[in-house]
Protein backbone atom coordinates (compact mmCIF):
# COMPACT_ATOMS: atom_id res chain seq x y z
CA UNK A 1 0.00 0.00 0.00
CA UNK A 2 1.36 3.39 -1.01
CA UNK A 3 0.50 6.13 1.49
CA UNK A 4 2.96 8.63 0.02
CA UNK A 5 1.51 11.97 -0.98
CA UNK A 6 4.26 12.66 -3.53
CA UNK A 7 5.29 10.66 -6.57
CA UNK A 8 8.49 12.57 -7.35
CA UNK A 9 11.09 14.64 -5.57
CA UNK A 10 9.92 17.65 -7.63
CA UNK A 11 6.40 17.23 -6.22
CA UNK A 12 7.83 17.16 -2.71
CA UNK A 13 9.98 20.29 -3.23
CA UNK A 14 7.09 22.19 -4.86
CA UNK A 15 4.91 21.34 -1.87
CA UNK A 16 7.60 22.51 0.57
CA UNK A 17 7.85 25.83 -1.30
CA UNK A 18 4.08 26.16 -1.58
CA UNK A 19 4.19 26.44 -5.38
CA UNK A 20 2.61 24.33 -8.13
CA UNK A 21 4.70 21.67 -9.88
CA UNK A 22 6.26 22.96 -13.10
CA UNK A 23 3.60 21.67 -15.52
CA UNK A 24 0.78 23.09 -13.39
CA UNK A 25 2.60 26.42 -12.97
CA UNK A 26 2.96 26.73 -16.77
CA UNK A 27 -0.70 25.82 -17.27
CA UNK A 28 -1.78 28.54 -14.82
CA UNK A 29 0.49 31.11 -16.48
CA UNK A 30 -1.17 30.33 -19.84
CA UNK A 31 -4.51 31.35 -18.35
CA UNK A 32 -3.86 34.49 -16.29
CA UNK A 33 -1.37 36.92 -14.72
CA UNK A 34 0.69 35.82 -11.72
CA UNK A 35 3.33 37.32 -9.46
CA UNK A 36 6.41 35.11 -9.41
CA UNK A 37 9.28 35.56 -6.97
CA UNK A 38 12.52 33.84 -7.89
CA UNK A 39 16.25 33.96 -7.22
CA UNK A 40 18.40 35.38 -10.00
CA UNK A 41 21.70 33.71 -10.83
CA UNK A 42 23.57 36.38 -8.83
CA UNK A 43 21.48 35.52 -5.74
CA UNK A 44 19.28 38.61 -5.87
CA UNK A 45 15.55 38.11 -5.52
CA UNK A 46 13.29 39.29 -8.36
CA UNK A 47 9.53 39.75 -8.21
CA UNK A 48 7.89 39.65 -11.62
CA UNK A 49 4.29 40.14 -12.76
CA UNK A 50 3.97 37.80 -15.71
CA UNK A 51 1.89 35.55 -17.96
CA UNK A 52 2.10 33.15 -20.87
CA UNK A 53 -1.42 34.03 -22.07
CA UNK A 54 -1.47 35.26 -25.68
CA UNK A 55 -4.84 36.85 -24.89
CA UNK A 56 -3.04 39.22 -22.49
CA UNK A 57 0.36 39.73 -24.15
CA UNK A 58 0.24 42.53 -26.76
CA UNK A 59 0.83 41.44 -30.37
CA UNK A 60 4.13 43.34 -30.60
CA UNK A 61 5.51 41.35 -27.64
CA UNK A 62 4.43 37.88 -28.74
CA UNK A 63 7.27 35.52 -29.67
CA UNK A 64 8.24 35.34 -33.32
CA UNK A 65 9.07 31.61 -33.17
CA UNK A 66 7.70 28.49 -31.50
CA UNK A 67 11.04 27.66 -29.86
CA UNK A 68 10.71 25.38 -26.83
CA UNK A 69 12.62 26.49 -23.70
CA UNK A 70 15.34 24.29 -22.24
CA UNK A 71 14.27 21.57 -19.82
CA UNK A 72 13.49 23.11 -16.42
CA UNK A 73 13.29 26.68 -17.77
CA UNK A 74 10.14 28.79 -17.65
CA UNK A 75 9.74 31.65 -20.13
CA UNK A 76 7.11 34.31 -19.48
CA UNK A 77 5.95 37.68 -20.71
CA UNK A 78 6.89 40.25 -18.06
CA UNK A 79 3.92 42.64 -17.84
CA UNK A 80 5.91 45.52 -16.33
CA UNK A 81 9.10 45.19 -18.40
CA UNK A 82 7.05 44.52 -21.56
CA UNK A 83 9.35 41.73 -22.69
CA UNK A 84 10.17 38.05 -22.32
CA UNK A 85 12.07 36.76 -19.33
CA UNK A 86 13.13 33.31 -18.25
CA UNK A 87 14.05 31.57 -15.04
CA UNK A 88 14.86 28.06 -13.95
CA UNK A 89 11.87 26.44 -12.27
CA UNK A 90 13.91 25.36 -9.23
CA UNK A 91 14.69 29.05 -8.51
CA UNK A 92 11.00 29.96 -8.09
CA UNK A 93 10.32 30.79 -4.43
CA UNK A 94 6.77 32.10 -4.53
CA UNK A 95 3.85 31.97 -7.00
CA UNK A 96 0.58 33.80 -6.49
CA UNK A 97 -2.33 35.17 -8.52
CA UNK A 98 -1.67 38.78 -9.41
CA UNK A 99 -4.15 41.47 -8.45
CA UNK A 100 -3.38 43.07 -11.85
CA UNK A 101 -5.43 40.57 -13.92
C-alpha atoms as a PDB file:
ATOM      1  CA  UNK A   1       0.000   0.000   0.000  1.00  0.00           C
ATOM      2  CA  UNK A   2       1.361   3.394  -1.014  1.00  0.00           C
ATOM      3  CA  UNK A   3       0.505   6.131   1.490  1.00  0.00           C
ATOM      4  CA  UNK A   4       2.961   8.628   0.015  1.00  0.00           C
ATOM      5  CA  UNK A   5       1.507  11.971  -0.982  1.00  0.00           C
ATOM      6  CA  UNK A   6       4.261  12.657  -3.528  1.00  0.00           C
ATOM      7  CA  UNK A   7       5.287  10.658  -6.568  1.00  0.00           C
ATOM      8  CA  UNK A   8       8.492  12.567  -7.349  1.00  0.00           C
ATOM      9  CA  UNK A   9      11.095  14.642  -5.570  1.00  0.00           C
ATOM     10  CA  UNK A  10       9.923  17.648  -7.634  1.00  0.00           C
ATOM     11  CA  UNK A  11       6.400  17.232  -6.221  1.00  0.00           C
ATOM     12  CA  UNK A  12       7.829  17.158  -2.706  1.00  0.00           C
ATOM     13  CA  UNK A  13       9.978  20.290  -3.229  1.00  0.00           C
ATOM     14  CA  UNK A  14       7.089  22.186  -4.857  1.00  0.00           C
ATOM     15  CA  UNK A  15       4.906  21.338  -1.866  1.00  0.00           C
ATOM     16  CA  UNK A  16       7.602  22.510   0.568  1.00  0.00           C
ATOM     17  CA  UNK A  17       7.848  25.835  -1.300  1.00  0.00           C
ATOM     18  CA  UNK A  18       4.076  26.158  -1.580  1.00  0.00           C
ATOM     19  CA  UNK A  19       4.193  26.436  -5.382  1.00  0.00           C
ATOM     20  CA  UNK A  20       2.612  24.325  -8.130  1.00  0.00           C
ATOM     21  CA  UNK A  21       4.701  21.669  -9.881  1.00  0.00           C
ATOM     22  CA  UNK A  22       6.263  22.965 -13.096  1.00  0.00           C
ATOM     23  CA  UNK A  23       3.602  21.670 -15.523  1.00  0.00           C
ATOM     24  CA  UNK A  24       0.784  23.090 -13.395  1.00  0.00           C
ATOM     25  CA  UNK A  25       2.604  26.416 -12.971  1.00  0.00           C
ATOM     26  CA  UNK A  26       2.960  26.734 -16.768  1.00  0.00           C
ATOM     27  CA  UNK A  27      -0.703  25.816 -17.265  1.00  0.00           C
ATOM     28  CA  UNK A  28      -1.781  28.536 -14.816  1.00  0.00           C
ATOM     29  CA  UNK A  29       0.489  31.109 -16.484  1.00  0.00           C
ATOM     30  CA  UNK A  30      -1.171  30.334 -19.838  1.00  0.00           C
ATOM     31  CA  UNK A  31      -4.514  31.346 -18.345  1.00  0.00           C
ATOM     32  CA  UNK A  32      -3.858  34.493 -16.288  1.00  0.00           C
ATOM     33  CA  UNK A  33      -1.373  36.923 -14.723  1.00  0.00           C
ATOM     34  CA  UNK A  34       0.688  35.816 -11.720  1.00  0.00           C
ATOM     35  CA  UNK A  35       3.327  37.317  -9.464  1.00  0.00           C
ATOM     36  CA  UNK A  36       6.412  35.105  -9.411  1.00  0.00           C
ATOM     37  CA  UNK A  37       9.279  35.561  -6.972  1.00  0.00           C
ATOM     38  CA  UNK A  38      12.524  33.837  -7.890  1.00  0.00           C
ATOM     39  CA  UNK A  39      16.251  33.964  -7.220  1.00  0.00           C
ATOM     40  CA  UNK A  40      18.399  35.384 -10.001  1.00  0.00           C
ATOM     41  CA  UNK A  41      21.703  33.710 -10.832  1.00  0.00           C
ATOM     42  CA  UNK A  42      23.573  36.380  -8.834  1.00  0.00           C
ATOM     43  CA  UNK A  43      21.485  35.518  -5.739  1.00  0.00           C
ATOM     44  CA  UNK A  44      19.276  38.611  -5.873  1.00  0.00           C
ATOM     45  CA  UNK A  45      15.550  38.111  -5.523  1.00  0.00           C
ATOM     46  CA  UNK A  46      13.293  39.295  -8.358  1.00  0.00           C
ATOM     47  CA  UNK A  47       9.527  39.750  -8.215  1.00  0.00           C
ATOM     48  CA  UNK A  48       7.895  39.650 -11.622  1.00  0.00           C
ATOM     49  CA  UNK A  49       4.291  40.137 -12.764  1.00  0.00           C
ATOM     50  CA  UNK A  50       3.975  37.795 -15.711  1.00  0.00           C
ATOM     51  CA  UNK A  51       1.894  35.554 -17.957  1.00  0.00           C
ATOM     52  CA  UNK A  52       2.104  33.149 -20.873  1.00  0.00           C
ATOM     53  CA  UNK A  53      -1.416  34.025 -22.074  1.00  0.00           C
ATOM     54  CA  UNK A  54      -1.467  35.255 -25.682  1.00  0.00           C
ATOM     55  CA  UNK A  55      -4.843  36.848 -24.892  1.00  0.00           C
ATOM     56  CA  UNK A  56      -3.041  39.219 -22.491  1.00  0.00           C
ATOM     57  CA  UNK A  57       0.360  39.728 -24.150  1.00  0.00           C
ATOM     58  CA  UNK A  58       0.244  42.528 -26.755  1.00  0.00           C
ATOM     59  CA  UNK A  59       0.826  41.445 -30.374  1.00  0.00           C
ATOM     60  CA  UNK A  60       4.134  43.335 -30.603  1.00  0.00           C
ATOM     61  CA  UNK A  61       5.511  41.353 -27.644  1.00  0.00           C
ATOM     62  CA  UNK A  62       4.427  37.878 -28.743  1.00  0.00           C
ATOM     63  CA  UNK A  63       7.271  35.516 -29.667  1.00  0.00           C
ATOM     64  CA  UNK A  64       8.235  35.335 -33.317  1.00  0.00           C
ATOM     65  CA  UNK A  65       9.066  31.609 -33.169  1.00  0.00           C
ATOM     66  CA  UNK A  66       7.696  28.492 -31.500  1.00  0.00           C
ATOM     67  CA  UNK A  67      11.043  27.657 -29.860  1.00  0.00           C
ATOM     68  CA  UNK A  68      10.713  25.385 -26.833  1.00  0.00           C
ATOM     69  CA  UNK A  69      12.618  26.485 -23.698  1.00  0.00           C
ATOM     70  CA  UNK A  70      15.343  24.285 -22.241  1.00  0.00           C
ATOM     71  CA  UNK A  71      14.265  21.574 -19.825  1.00  0.00           C
ATOM     72  CA  UNK A  72      13.490  23.107 -16.422  1.00  0.00           C
ATOM     73  CA  UNK A  73      13.290  26.680 -17.773  1.00  0.00           C
ATOM     74  CA  UNK A  74      10.141  28.786 -17.647  1.00  0.00           C
ATOM     75  CA  UNK A  75       9.739  31.646 -20.126  1.00  0.00           C
ATOM     76  CA  UNK A  76       7.106  34.312 -19.480  1.00  0.00           C
ATOM     77  CA  UNK A  77       5.955  37.681 -20.709  1.00  0.00           C
ATOM     78  CA  UNK A  78       6.886  40.249 -18.059  1.00  0.00           C
ATOM     79  CA  UNK A  79       3.917  42.639 -17.843  1.00  0.00           C
ATOM     80  CA  UNK A  80       5.910  45.524 -16.329  1.00  0.00           C
ATOM     81  CA  UNK A  81       9.102  45.191 -18.396  1.00  0.00           C
ATOM     82  CA  UNK A  82       7.054  44.522 -21.556  1.00  0.00           C
ATOM     83  CA  UNK A  83       9.349  41.734 -22.690  1.00  0.00           C
ATOM     84  CA  UNK A  84      10.170  38.049 -22.323  1.00  0.00           C
ATOM     85  CA  UNK A  85      12.075  36.758 -19.328  1.00  0.00           C
ATOM     86  CA  UNK A  86      13.130  33.305 -18.251  1.00  0.00           C
ATOM     87  CA  UNK A  87      14.051  31.570 -15.042  1.00  0.00           C
ATOM     88  CA  UNK A  88      14.857  28.064 -13.950  1.00  0.00           C
ATOM     89  CA  UNK A  89      11.866  26.442 -12.272  1.00  0.00           C
ATOM     90  CA  UNK A  90      13.906  25.363  -9.233  1.00  0.00           C
ATOM     91  CA  UNK A  91      14.694  29.045  -8.511  1.00  0.00           C
ATOM     92  CA  UNK A  92      10.999  29.957  -8.086  1.00  0.00           C
ATOM     93  CA  UNK A  93      10.325  30.795  -4.431  1.00  0.00           C
ATOM     94  CA  UNK A  94       6.766  32.099  -4.533  1.00  0.00           C
ATOM     95  CA  UNK A  95       3.851  31.972  -6.998  1.00  0.00           C
ATOM     96  CA  UNK A  96       0.575  33.796  -6.490  1.00  0.00           C
ATOM     97  CA  UNK A  97      -2.327  35.169  -8.521  1.00  0.00           C
ATOM     98  CA  UNK A  98      -1.666  38.777  -9.409  1.00  0.00           C
ATOM     99  CA  UNK A  99      -4.153  41.472  -8.449  1.00  0.00           C
ATOM    100  CA  UNK A 100      -3.383  43.071 -11.853  1.00  0.00           C
ATOM    101  CA  UNK A 101      -5.427  40.570 -13.923  1.00  0.00           C
END
